[in-house]
Amino acid sequence: MTHAHAVRIEFGSAFDMLDFVQVVSDYMGRMAGLDEDSLHWVSVAVRESVVNAIKHGNQSDESKRVVVEFIPVPLHDPEELVIRVEDEGEGFDPEELADPLAPENILKSSGRGIFLIRSFMDDVQLQRGQTRGMQIRMVKKVLRSGASA
């Protein structure tokens, strides 16, 4: 790997952007040096976080923007890939998320996205966006040959 670059994508809340975001995610993961398993889990986490931003954050309002950033850290020979997804919705208190493993939630058809993202990524932080909405910051560490998790 020679030199990576940060990439920022900004678009209206349209689900037809998911495939494009996925292509960029896969490309940035490869550029950062992620192995195939890590690429898969990052892909699932990015897709889930963008779907959440469009559906839950922006309520599928195409006039509201979604921002997705991919930042290899450091840019030269990255040790991790930082991904940030931000929406323009009302936001929520992450502490009030229902536990998807609680007996009363096991059979619900939704509510596992953040739980899964936390399972797939090395670090996940949820916070209010810079102006409004929510921001999820996800980190996936790059495992080098001979390194163990």
N, C-alpha and C. Protein backbone atom coordinates (compact mmCIF):
# COMPACT_ATOMS: atom_id res chain seq x y z
N MET A 1 0.85 -1.18 0.00
CA MET A 1 0.00 0.00 0.00
C MET A 1 0.89 1.23 0.00
N THR A 2 0.61 2.14 -0.87
CA THR A 2 1.44 3.33 -0.97
C THR A 2 0.86 4.48 -0.18
N HIS A 3 -0.29 4.98 -0.59
CA HIS A 3 -0.84 6.14 0.08
C HIS A 3 -2.35 6.15 -0.12
N ALA A 4 -3.12 6.18 0.96
CA ALA A 4 -4.58 6.20 0.90
C ALA A 4 -5.07 7.64 1.00
N HIS A 5 -6.32 7.84 0.69
CA HIS A 5 -6.94 9.16 0.79
C HIS A 5 -8.27 9.02 1.51
N ALA A 6 -8.66 10.07 2.20
CA ALA A 6 -9.99 10.11 2.81
C ALA A 6 -11.00 10.38 1.71
N VAL A 7 -12.20 9.82 1.85
CA VAL A 7 -13.27 10.01 0.88
C VAL A 7 -14.53 10.41 1.63
N ARG A 8 -15.22 11.41 1.08
CA ARG A 8 -16.48 11.87 1.65
C ARG A 8 -17.56 11.79 0.57
N ILE A 9 -18.69 11.17 0.93
CA ILE A 9 -19.84 11.07 0.03
C ILE A 9 -21.00 11.76 0.73
N GLU A 10 -21.71 12.61 0.02
CA GLU A 10 -22.89 13.29 0.57
C GLU A 10 -24.01 13.14 -0.45
N PHE A 11 -25.19 12.70 0.02
CA PHE A 11 -26.29 12.45 -0.90
C PHE A 11 -27.63 12.59 -0.19
N GLY A 12 -28.69 12.79 -0.97
CA GLY A 12 -30.05 12.81 -0.42
C GLY A 12 -30.44 11.42 0.03
N SER A 13 -31.37 11.33 0.93
CA SER A 13 -31.78 10.06 1.54
C SER A 13 -32.50 9.15 0.55
N ALA A 14 -31.73 8.48 -0.28
CA ALA A 14 -32.29 7.56 -1.27
C ALA A 14 -31.61 6.20 -1.14
N PHE A 15 -32.41 5.15 -1.02
CA PHE A 15 -31.86 3.81 -0.87
C PHE A 15 -31.08 3.35 -2.10
N ASP A 16 -31.35 3.96 -3.26
CA ASP A 16 -30.61 3.55 -4.45
C ASP A 16 -29.14 3.97 -4.40
N MET A 17 -28.74 4.72 -3.39
CA MET A 17 -27.33 5.08 -3.19
C MET A 17 -26.56 3.99 -2.45
N LEU A 18 -27.26 3.02 -1.88
CA LEU A 18 -26.60 1.98 -1.08
C LEU A 18 -25.54 1.21 -1.86
N ASP A 19 -25.83 0.85 -3.09
CA ASP A 19 -24.85 0.09 -3.87
C ASP A 19 -23.59 0.91 -4.14
N PHE A 20 -23.76 2.20 -4.42
CA PHE A 20 -22.61 3.06 -4.65
C PHE A 20 -21.76 3.17 -3.38
N VAL A 21 -22.40 3.40 -2.25
CA VAL A 21 -21.69 3.49 -0.97
C VAL A 21 -20.95 2.18 -0.72
N GLN A 22 -21.58 1.07 -1.06
CA GLN A 22 -20.97 -0.25 -0.87
C GLN A 22 -19.70 -0.40 -1.70
N VAL A 23 -19.73 0.05 -2.95
CA VAL A 23 -18.55 -0.03 -3.81
C VAL A 23 -17.41 0.80 -3.23
N VAL A 24 -17.74 2.01 -2.76
CA VAL A 24 -16.71 2.88 -2.17
C VAL A 24 -16.17 2.25 -0.89
N SER A 25 -17.05 1.68 -0.07
CA SER A 25 -16.64 1.03 1.17
C SER A 25 -15.66 -0.11 0.89
N ASP A 26 -16.00 -0.96 -0.08
CA ASP A 26 -15.12 -2.08 -0.42
C ASP A 26 -13.77 -1.57 -0.93
N TYR A 27 -13.80 -0.55 -1.77
CA TYR A 27 -12.56 0.01 -2.32
C TYR A 27 -11.69 0.59 -1.20
N MET A 28 -12.30 1.38 -0.32
CA MET A 28 -11.54 2.01 0.77
C MET A 28 -10.99 0.96 1.74
N GLY A 29 -11.77 -0.08 2.00
CA GLY A 29 -11.30 -1.16 2.86
C GLY A 29 -10.09 -1.87 2.27
N ARG A 30 -10.14 -2.12 0.96
CA ARG A 30 -8.98 -2.75 0.30
C ARG A 30 -7.78 -1.83 0.32
N MET A 31 -7.99 -0.55 0.05
CA MET A 31 -6.89 0.41 0.06
C MET A 31 -6.25 0.51 1.45
N ALA A 32 -7.07 0.36 2.48
CA ALA A 32 -6.54 0.43 3.85
C ALA A 32 -5.82 -0.86 4.25
N GLY A 33 -6.06 -1.94 3.50
CA GLY A 33 -5.38 -3.20 3.80
C GLY A 33 -6.20 -4.19 4.60
N LEU A 34 -7.53 -4.03 4.62
CA LEU A 34 -8.37 -4.98 5.36
C LEU A 34 -8.38 -6.34 4.67
N ASP A 35 -8.42 -7.41 5.46
CA ASP A 35 -8.53 -8.76 4.89
C ASP A 35 -9.98 -9.00 4.46
N GLU A 36 -10.22 -10.13 3.79
CA GLU A 36 -11.55 -10.41 3.23
C GLU A 36 -12.64 -10.48 4.30
N ASP A 37 -12.36 -11.11 5.44
CA ASP A 37 -13.36 -11.18 6.51
C ASP A 37 -13.70 -9.78 7.02
N SER A 38 -12.68 -8.97 7.26
CA SER A 38 -12.92 -7.60 7.73
C SER A 38 -13.69 -6.79 6.71
N LEU A 39 -13.36 -6.96 5.42
CA LEU A 39 -14.10 -6.26 4.36
C LEU A 39 -15.58 -6.60 4.43
N HIS A 40 -15.89 -7.87 4.64
CA HIS A 40 -17.29 -8.30 4.72
C HIS A 40 -18.01 -7.62 5.89
N TRP A 41 -17.40 -7.67 7.07
CA TRP A 41 -18.07 -7.11 8.25
C TRP A 41 -18.19 -5.60 8.18
N VAL A 42 -17.18 -4.94 7.61
CA VAL A 42 -17.28 -3.48 7.41
C VAL A 42 -18.42 -3.19 6.44
N SER A 43 -18.52 -3.97 5.40
CA SER A 43 -19.58 -3.81 4.41
C SER A 43 -20.96 -3.89 5.06
N VAL A 44 -21.16 -4.90 5.90
CA VAL A 44 -22.45 -5.07 6.59
C VAL A 44 -22.71 -3.87 7.52
N ALA A 45 -21.69 -3.44 8.26
CA ALA A 45 -21.86 -2.33 9.20
C ALA A 45 -22.16 -1.02 8.47
N VAL A 46 -21.46 -0.78 7.37
CA VAL A 46 -21.70 0.45 6.60
C VAL A 46 -23.11 0.44 6.03
N ARG A 47 -23.51 -0.68 5.45
CA ARG A 47 -24.85 -0.77 4.87
C ARG A 47 -25.91 -0.53 5.94
N GLU A 48 -25.76 -1.17 7.09
CA GLU A 48 -26.74 -1.02 8.17
C GLU A 48 -26.79 0.42 8.67
N SER A 49 -25.63 1.06 8.82
CA SER A 49 -25.61 2.44 9.34
C SER A 49 -26.20 3.42 8.33
N VAL A 50 -25.99 3.19 7.03
CA VAL A 50 -26.57 4.08 6.02
C VAL A 50 -28.09 3.86 5.94
N VAL A 51 -28.54 2.61 6.01
CA VAL A 51 -29.97 2.34 6.03
C VAL A 51 -30.61 3.03 7.24
N ASN A 52 -29.98 2.92 8.41
CA ASN A 52 -30.50 3.59 9.61
C ASN A 52 -30.58 5.10 9.41
N ALA A 53 -29.54 5.69 8.81
CA ALA A 53 -29.52 7.14 8.59
C ALA A 53 -30.67 7.56 7.67
N ILE A 54 -30.89 6.81 6.61
CA ILE A 54 -31.95 7.15 5.66
C ILE A 54 -33.33 6.91 6.27
N LYS A 55 -33.53 5.71 6.80
CA LYS A 55 -34.86 5.29 7.26
C LYS A 55 -35.26 5.90 8.59
N HIS A 56 -34.41 5.74 9.60
CA HIS A 56 -34.77 6.19 10.95
C HIS A 56 -34.38 7.64 11.19
N GLY A 57 -33.18 8.02 10.75
CA GLY A 57 -32.73 9.39 10.99
C GLY A 57 -33.47 10.39 10.13
N ASN A 58 -33.38 10.23 8.83
CA ASN A 58 -33.97 11.21 7.90
C ASN A 58 -35.39 10.87 7.49
N GLN A 59 -35.96 9.79 8.02
CA GLN A 59 -37.34 9.40 7.72
C GLN A 59 -37.59 9.30 6.21
N SER A 60 -36.57 8.87 5.45
CA SER A 60 -36.62 8.71 3.99
C SER A 60 -36.94 10.01 3.26
N ASP A 61 -36.68 11.14 3.89
CA ASP A 61 -36.88 12.46 3.28
C ASP A 61 -35.68 12.76 2.38
N GLU A 62 -35.87 12.70 1.06
CA GLU A 62 -34.76 12.87 0.13
C GLU A 62 -34.14 14.26 0.15
N SER A 63 -34.81 15.23 0.78
CA SER A 63 -34.21 16.56 0.90
C SER A 63 -33.19 16.62 2.04
N LYS A 64 -33.23 15.61 2.92
CA LYS A 64 -32.25 15.54 4.01
C LYS A 64 -31.06 14.73 3.55
N ARG A 65 -29.88 15.18 3.95
CA ARG A 65 -28.62 14.61 3.48
C ARG A 65 -28.09 13.52 4.42
N VAL A 66 -27.36 12.61 3.81
CA VAL A 66 -26.57 11.61 4.54
C VAL A 66 -25.12 11.85 4.13
N VAL A 67 -24.22 11.88 5.10
CA VAL A 67 -22.80 12.03 4.83
C VAL A 67 -22.10 10.75 5.28
N VAL A 68 -21.25 10.22 4.40
CA VAL A 68 -20.46 9.04 4.74
C VAL A 68 -19.01 9.38 4.45
N GLU A 69 -18.16 9.20 5.45
CA GLU A 69 -16.72 9.46 5.29
C GLU A 69 -15.93 8.20 5.61
N PHE A 70 -14.91 7.96 4.80
CA PHE A 70 -13.97 6.87 5.00
C PHE A 70 -12.60 7.50 5.18
N ILE A 71 -11.97 7.24 6.33
CA ILE A 71 -10.70 7.89 6.64
C ILE A 71 -9.68 6.84 7.09
N PRO A 72 -8.72 6.49 6.24
CA PRO A 72 -7.64 5.61 6.67
C PRO A 72 -6.74 6.36 7.64
N VAL A 73 -6.37 5.74 8.78
CA VAL A 73 -5.57 6.41 9.80
C VAL A 73 -4.37 5.54 10.14
N PRO A 74 -3.14 6.05 10.02
CA PRO A 74 -2.79 7.27 9.28
C PRO A 74 -2.96 7.05 7.78
N LEU A 75 -2.93 8.12 7.01
CA LEU A 75 -3.15 8.01 5.58
C LEU A 75 -2.11 7.12 4.91
N HIS A 76 -0.87 7.20 5.37
CA HIS A 76 0.17 6.35 4.81
C HIS A 76 0.30 5.09 5.65
N ASP A 77 0.11 3.93 5.04
CA ASP A 77 0.18 2.64 5.73
C ASP A 77 -0.80 2.58 6.91
N PRO A 78 -2.11 2.63 6.62
CA PRO A 78 -3.14 2.72 7.68
C PRO A 78 -3.11 1.57 8.67
N GLU A 79 -3.41 1.91 9.91
CA GLU A 79 -3.56 0.92 10.98
C GLU A 79 -5.04 0.67 11.25
N GLU A 80 -5.89 1.58 10.79
CA GLU A 80 -7.33 1.42 10.96
C GLU A 80 -8.07 2.24 9.92
N LEU A 81 -9.32 1.83 9.68
CA LEU A 81 -10.20 2.57 8.80
C LEU A 81 -11.32 3.14 9.66
N VAL A 82 -11.46 4.46 9.64
CA VAL A 82 -12.51 5.14 10.38
C VAL A 82 -13.62 5.48 9.40
N ILE A 83 -14.85 5.13 9.76
CA ILE A 83 -16.00 5.41 8.91
C ILE A 83 -17.00 6.20 9.74
N ARG A 84 -17.45 7.29 9.17
CA ARG A 84 -18.41 8.16 9.86
C ARG A 84 -19.65 8.29 9.00
N VAL A 85 -20.83 8.07 9.58
CA VAL A 85 -22.10 8.24 8.88
C VAL A 85 -22.93 9.22 9.69
N GLU A 86 -23.44 10.26 9.03
CA GLU A 86 -24.21 11.29 9.72
C GLU A 86 -25.50 11.56 8.96
N ASP A 87 -26.59 11.76 9.71
CA ASP A 87 -27.88 12.10 9.10
C ASP A 87 -28.33 13.48 9.59
N GLU A 88 -29.47 13.94 9.11
CA GLU A 88 -30.02 15.24 9.50
C GLU A 88 -31.37 15.09 10.20
N GLY A 89 -31.56 13.96 10.85
CA GLY A 89 -32.82 13.71 11.54
C GLY A 89 -32.90 14.37 12.89
N GLU A 90 -33.86 13.92 13.69
CA GLU A 90 -34.10 14.48 15.02
C GLU A 90 -33.07 14.00 16.04
N GLY A 91 -32.44 12.88 15.77
CA GLY A 91 -31.47 12.32 16.71
C GLY A 91 -32.17 11.53 17.81
N PHE A 92 -31.38 10.88 18.62
CA PHE A 92 -31.91 10.08 19.73
C PHE A 92 -30.82 9.93 20.78
N ASP A 93 -31.21 9.46 21.94
CA ASP A 93 -30.27 9.22 23.02
C ASP A 93 -29.81 7.77 22.93
N PRO A 94 -28.54 7.53 22.58
CA PRO A 94 -28.05 6.16 22.45
C PRO A 94 -28.23 5.32 23.71
N GLU A 95 -28.28 5.97 24.87
CA GLU A 95 -28.45 5.24 26.13
C GLU A 95 -29.85 4.64 26.24
N GLU A 96 -30.79 5.12 25.44
CA GLU A 96 -32.17 4.65 25.52
C GLU A 96 -32.49 3.55 24.50
N LEU A 97 -31.48 3.07 23.78
CA LEU A 97 -31.71 1.98 22.84
C LEU A 97 -32.12 0.73 23.60
N ALA A 98 -33.15 0.07 23.09
CA ALA A 98 -33.61 -1.17 23.73
C ALA A 98 -32.57 -2.27 23.52
N ASP A 99 -32.44 -3.13 24.51
CA ASP A 99 -31.52 -4.27 24.41
C ASP A 99 -32.16 -5.32 23.50
N PRO A 100 -31.55 -5.58 22.32
CA PRO A 100 -32.17 -6.55 21.40
C PRO A 100 -32.14 -7.99 21.92
N LEU A 101 -31.36 -8.25 22.95
CA LEU A 101 -31.29 -9.61 23.51
C LEU A 101 -32.24 -9.82 24.69
N ALA A 102 -32.92 -8.74 25.11
CA ALA A 102 -33.89 -8.87 26.20
C ALA A 102 -35.06 -9.74 25.72
N PRO A 103 -35.61 -10.56 26.60
CA PRO A 103 -36.68 -11.47 26.19
C PRO A 103 -37.83 -10.78 25.45
N GLU A 104 -38.21 -9.60 25.87
CA GLU A 104 -39.33 -8.90 25.24
C GLU A 104 -38.99 -8.38 23.83
N ASN A 105 -37.70 -8.39 23.47
CA ASN A 105 -37.29 -7.87 22.16
C ASN A 105 -36.81 -8.94 21.19
N ILE A 106 -36.64 -10.15 21.67
CA ILE A 106 -36.05 -11.22 20.84
C ILE A 106 -36.82 -11.43 19.54
N LEU A 107 -38.13 -11.39 19.58
CA LEU A 107 -38.93 -11.69 18.40
C LEU A 107 -39.26 -10.46 17.55
N LYS A 108 -38.80 -9.30 17.94
CA LYS A 108 -39.06 -8.10 17.15
C LYS A 108 -38.28 -8.15 15.85
N SER A 109 -38.87 -7.60 14.80
CA SER A 109 -38.24 -7.67 13.47
C SER A 109 -37.22 -6.57 13.24
N SER A 110 -37.10 -5.64 14.17
CA SER A 110 -36.10 -4.57 14.02
C SER A 110 -35.46 -4.28 15.37
N GLY A 111 -34.47 -3.38 15.36
CA GLY A 111 -33.85 -2.98 16.61
C GLY A 111 -32.52 -3.64 16.90
N ARG A 112 -31.95 -4.35 15.90
CA ARG A 112 -30.68 -5.02 16.12
C ARG A 112 -29.51 -4.36 15.40
N GLY A 113 -29.77 -3.35 14.61
CA GLY A 113 -28.74 -2.74 13.76
C GLY A 113 -27.52 -2.26 14.51
N ILE A 114 -27.72 -1.44 15.52
CA ILE A 114 -26.59 -0.88 16.28
C ILE A 114 -25.86 -2.01 17.01
N PHE A 115 -26.62 -2.96 17.55
CA PHE A 115 -26.03 -4.13 18.22
C PHE A 115 -25.10 -4.87 17.26
N LEU A 116 -25.57 -5.12 16.04
CA LEU A 116 -24.76 -5.83 15.05
C LEU A 116 -23.54 -5.02 14.66
N ILE A 117 -23.72 -3.73 14.43
CA ILE A 117 -22.60 -2.87 14.06
C ILE A 117 -21.52 -2.94 15.15
N ARG A 118 -21.94 -2.88 16.40
CA ARG A 118 -20.98 -2.96 17.51
C ARG A 118 -20.26 -4.31 17.53
N SER A 119 -20.94 -5.36 17.08
CA SER A 119 -20.34 -6.69 17.04
C SER A 119 -19.30 -6.81 15.94
N PHE A 120 -19.53 -6.12 14.82
CA PHE A 120 -18.68 -6.27 13.64
C PHE A 120 -17.48 -5.34 13.62
N MET A 121 -17.56 -4.23 14.33
CA MET A 121 -16.50 -3.22 14.28
C MET A 121 -15.70 -3.24 15.58
N ASP A 122 -14.49 -2.66 15.54
CA ASP A 122 -13.62 -2.65 16.71
C ASP A 122 -13.97 -1.55 17.70
N ASP A 123 -14.55 -0.46 17.20
CA ASP A 123 -14.97 0.64 18.07
C ASP A 123 -16.16 1.33 17.41
N VAL A 124 -17.19 1.66 18.19
CA VAL A 124 -18.37 2.34 17.67
C VAL A 124 -18.77 3.41 18.66
N GLN A 125 -18.97 4.62 18.15
CA GLN A 125 -19.43 5.73 18.98
C GLN A 125 -20.62 6.39 18.31
N LEU A 126 -21.67 6.61 19.10
CA LEU A 126 -22.86 7.30 18.63
C LEU A 126 -22.94 8.64 19.34
N GLN A 127 -23.20 9.68 18.58
CA GLN A 127 -23.34 11.01 19.19
C GLN A 127 -24.17 11.90 18.28
N ARG A 128 -24.62 12.99 18.85
CA ARG A 128 -25.34 13.98 18.06
C ARG A 128 -24.42 14.51 16.97
N GLY A 129 -25.00 14.81 15.80
CA GLY A 129 -24.23 15.36 14.70
C GLY A 129 -23.74 16.77 15.00
N GLN A 130 -22.87 17.29 14.16
CA GLN A 130 -22.29 18.61 14.39
C GLN A 130 -23.35 19.71 14.35
N THR A 131 -24.34 19.57 13.47
CA THR A 131 -25.39 20.58 13.41
C THR A 131 -26.72 20.03 13.91
N ARG A 132 -27.06 18.82 13.49
CA ARG A 132 -28.27 18.14 13.96
C ARG A 132 -28.15 16.68 13.57
N GLY A 133 -29.16 15.90 13.91
CA GLY A 133 -29.12 14.48 13.55
C GLY A 133 -28.16 13.70 14.42
N MET A 134 -27.83 12.51 13.91
CA MET A 134 -26.93 11.61 14.62
C MET A 134 -25.72 11.31 13.77
N GLN A 135 -24.66 10.94 14.48
CA GLN A 135 -23.43 10.54 13.82
C GLN A 135 -22.98 9.22 14.45
N ILE A 136 -22.63 8.26 13.61
CA ILE A 136 -22.02 7.03 14.09
C ILE A 136 -20.60 7.00 13.55
N ARG A 137 -19.67 6.77 14.44
CA ARG A 137 -18.25 6.69 14.07
C ARG A 137 -17.80 5.26 14.35
N MET A 138 -17.37 4.58 13.30
CA MET A 138 -16.99 3.17 13.40
C MET A 138 -15.52 3.03 13.03
N VAL A 139 -14.84 2.14 13.72
CA VAL A 139 -13.42 1.90 13.44
C VAL A 139 -13.20 0.40 13.23
N LYS A 140 -12.47 0.09 12.17
CA LYS A 140 -12.02 -1.29 11.95
C LYS A 140 -10.51 -1.28 11.86
N LYS A 141 -9.87 -2.05 12.73
CA LYS A 141 -8.41 -2.12 12.75
C LYS A 141 -7.91 -3.00 11.62
N VAL A 142 -6.78 -2.62 11.04
CA VAL A 142 -6.14 -3.39 9.97
C VAL A 142 -5.22 -4.41 10.62
N LEU A 143 -5.50 -5.69 10.37
CA LEU A 143 -4.64 -6.75 10.90
C LEU A 143 -3.54 -7.02 9.91
N ARG A 144 -2.32 -6.90 10.35
CA ARG A 144 -1.15 -7.16 9.50
C ARG A 144 -0.80 -8.63 9.56
N SER A 145 -0.08 -9.14 8.59
CA SER A 145 0.35 -10.53 8.56
C SER A 145 1.10 -10.85 9.85
N GLY A 146 0.71 -11.95 10.47
CA GLY A 146 1.36 -12.36 11.70
C GLY A 146 0.76 -11.75 12.95
N ALA A 147 -0.15 -10.79 12.77
CA ALA A 147 -0.79 -10.15 13.93
C ALA A 147 -2.03 -10.94 14.31
N SER A 148 -2.38 -10.91 15.58
CA SER A 148 -3.61 -11.57 16.03
C SER A 148 -4.55 -10.53 16.61
N ALA A 149 -5.83 -10.82 16.57
CA ALA A 149 -6.86 -9.88 17.02
C ALA A 149 -6.89 -9.76 18.52
